[in-house]
């Protein structure tokens, strides 16, 4: 499997299972502008199966807007949709995660601006 590096900001708060066995989050990366001048934003769904990472980093320190760098491999996930049809989705399986902007830093910045 080839590893890829993806840097972006969380589109929403991560979803972590109660036992911390699985964490899912979506990253968005701005890729400049297209020919018409509209922003090009690329999104990727990320999945982590590392219980320690999920409990101590993702659940505790990440929230919408946090910036991270993920190293991982793309995998195809097959599932059955609500309409009964079978679908395939590409997901980035997290091998390494580096946090560039913590949720606590964002809260501190917001409090400083409000004061």
Protein backbone atom coordinates (compact mmCIF):
# COMPACT_ATOMS: atom_id res chain seq x y z
CA UNK A 1 0.00 0.00 0.00
CA UNK A 2 1.19 3.47 -0.79
CA UNK A 3 1.11 6.08 1.94
CA UNK A 4 -0.25 9.54 1.26
CA UNK A 5 0.08 12.73 3.26
CA UNK A 6 -3.00 14.91 3.63
CA UNK A 7 -3.09 18.21 5.51
CA UNK A 8 -6.37 19.95 6.28
CA UNK A 9 -8.88 21.19 8.80
CA UNK A 10 -11.64 19.13 10.42
CA UNK A 11 -15.02 19.77 8.80
CA UNK A 12 -16.83 18.71 12.00
CA UNK A 13 -16.08 17.30 15.43
CA UNK A 14 -14.67 13.76 15.19
CA UNK A 15 -16.98 10.82 15.87
CA UNK A 16 -15.42 8.39 18.34
CA UNK A 17 -17.01 5.14 19.53
CA UNK A 18 -17.66 4.74 23.27
CA UNK A 19 -14.82 2.20 23.61
CA UNK A 20 -12.43 4.43 21.58
CA UNK A 21 -11.95 1.59 19.09
CA UNK A 22 -12.82 3.70 16.05
CA UNK A 23 -12.63 7.40 15.22
CA UNK A 24 -13.97 9.00 12.05
CA UNK A 25 -13.42 12.56 10.88
CA UNK A 26 -13.45 14.53 7.64
CA UNK A 27 -10.60 16.77 6.54
CA UNK A 28 -10.94 19.66 4.11
CA UNK A 29 -8.02 21.15 2.20
CA UNK A 30 -8.12 24.34 0.13
CA UNK A 31 -6.49 23.72 -3.26
CA UNK A 32 -6.60 27.24 -4.66
CA UNK A 33 -9.11 28.40 -7.24
CA UNK A 34 -10.47 26.86 -10.42
CA UNK A 35 -10.61 28.59 -13.84
CA UNK A 36 -13.89 30.32 -12.92
CA UNK A 37 -12.35 31.74 -9.73
CA UNK A 38 -14.28 29.54 -7.31
CA UNK A 39 -12.40 27.97 -4.40
CA UNK A 40 -11.43 24.33 -4.88
CA UNK A 41 -11.87 22.41 -1.66
CA UNK A 42 -10.95 18.73 -1.44
CA UNK A 43 -12.35 16.56 1.33
CA UNK A 44 -11.33 13.14 2.58
CA UNK A 45 -12.89 10.86 5.18
CA UNK A 46 -10.34 9.56 7.69
CA UNK A 47 -10.65 6.48 9.92
CA UNK A 48 -8.46 5.59 12.89
CA UNK A 49 -8.51 2.18 14.57
CA UNK A 50 -5.77 3.04 17.10
CA UNK A 51 -7.48 3.01 20.49
CA UNK A 52 -4.76 5.04 22.26
CA UNK A 53 -4.67 7.70 19.55
CA UNK A 54 -8.45 7.89 19.50
CA UNK A 55 -8.75 8.26 23.27
CA UNK A 56 -5.83 10.57 24.06
CA UNK A 57 -5.58 12.74 20.95
CA UNK A 58 -8.63 12.63 18.70
CA UNK A 59 -11.39 12.59 21.33
CA UNK A 60 -9.61 14.94 23.74
CA UNK A 61 -7.87 17.44 21.50
CA UNK A 62 -9.62 17.71 18.14
CA UNK A 63 -12.71 19.68 17.16
CA UNK A 64 -14.13 21.38 14.10
CA UNK A 65 -11.55 23.65 12.48
CA UNK A 66 -8.45 22.01 13.98
CA UNK A 67 -5.61 21.61 11.50
CA UNK A 68 -3.89 18.22 11.22
CA UNK A 69 -1.56 16.26 8.98
CA UNK A 70 -2.50 12.63 8.37
CA UNK A 71 -0.22 9.97 6.90
CA UNK A 72 -2.07 6.89 5.80
CA UNK A 73 -3.29 4.70 2.98
CA UNK A 74 -6.48 4.89 0.98
CA UNK A 75 -8.79 1.89 1.31
CA UNK A 76 -12.11 1.08 -0.34
CA UNK A 77 -14.90 0.47 2.15
CA UNK A 78 -17.94 -1.42 0.86
CA UNK A 79 -21.27 -0.92 2.59
CA UNK A 80 -24.98 -1.30 2.01
CA UNK A 81 -26.85 1.99 1.57
CA UNK A 82 -30.27 2.74 3.04
CA UNK A 83 -31.88 2.10 -0.34
CA UNK A 84 -30.42 -1.41 -0.33
CA UNK A 85 -27.79 -0.77 -2.97
CA UNK A 86 -24.15 -1.59 -2.41
CA UNK A 87 -21.75 1.36 -2.33
CA UNK A 88 -18.00 1.87 -2.13
CA UNK A 89 -16.33 4.77 -0.36
CA UNK A 90 -12.67 5.72 -0.26
CA UNK A 91 -11.31 6.35 3.24
CA UNK A 92 -7.90 7.38 4.45
CA UNK A 93 -6.77 4.83 7.03
CA UNK A 94 -4.75 6.80 9.60
CA UNK A 95 -1.24 5.54 10.30
CA UNK A 96 0.16 8.77 11.79
CA UNK A 97 -1.46 11.99 12.86
CA UNK A 98 0.20 15.31 13.68
CA UNK A 99 -1.89 18.08 15.22
CA UNK A 100 -0.99 21.57 14.03
CA UNK A 101 -3.83 23.46 15.73
CA UNK A 102 -5.38 22.03 18.92
CA UNK A 103 -9.00 22.63 19.98
CA UNK A 104 -7.77 24.13 23.26
CA UNK A 105 -5.69 26.67 21.29
CA UNK A 106 -8.78 27.71 19.34
CA UNK A 107 -10.78 28.20 22.55
CA UNK A 108 -8.01 30.28 24.10
CA UNK A 109 -7.84 32.45 20.96
CA UNK A 110 -11.63 32.96 21.03
CA UNK A 111 -11.54 33.99 24.72
CA UNK A 112 -8.68 36.43 24.04
CA UNK A 113 -10.61 38.06 21.20
CA UNK A 114 -13.75 38.36 23.35
CA UNK A 115 -11.85 40.08 26.16
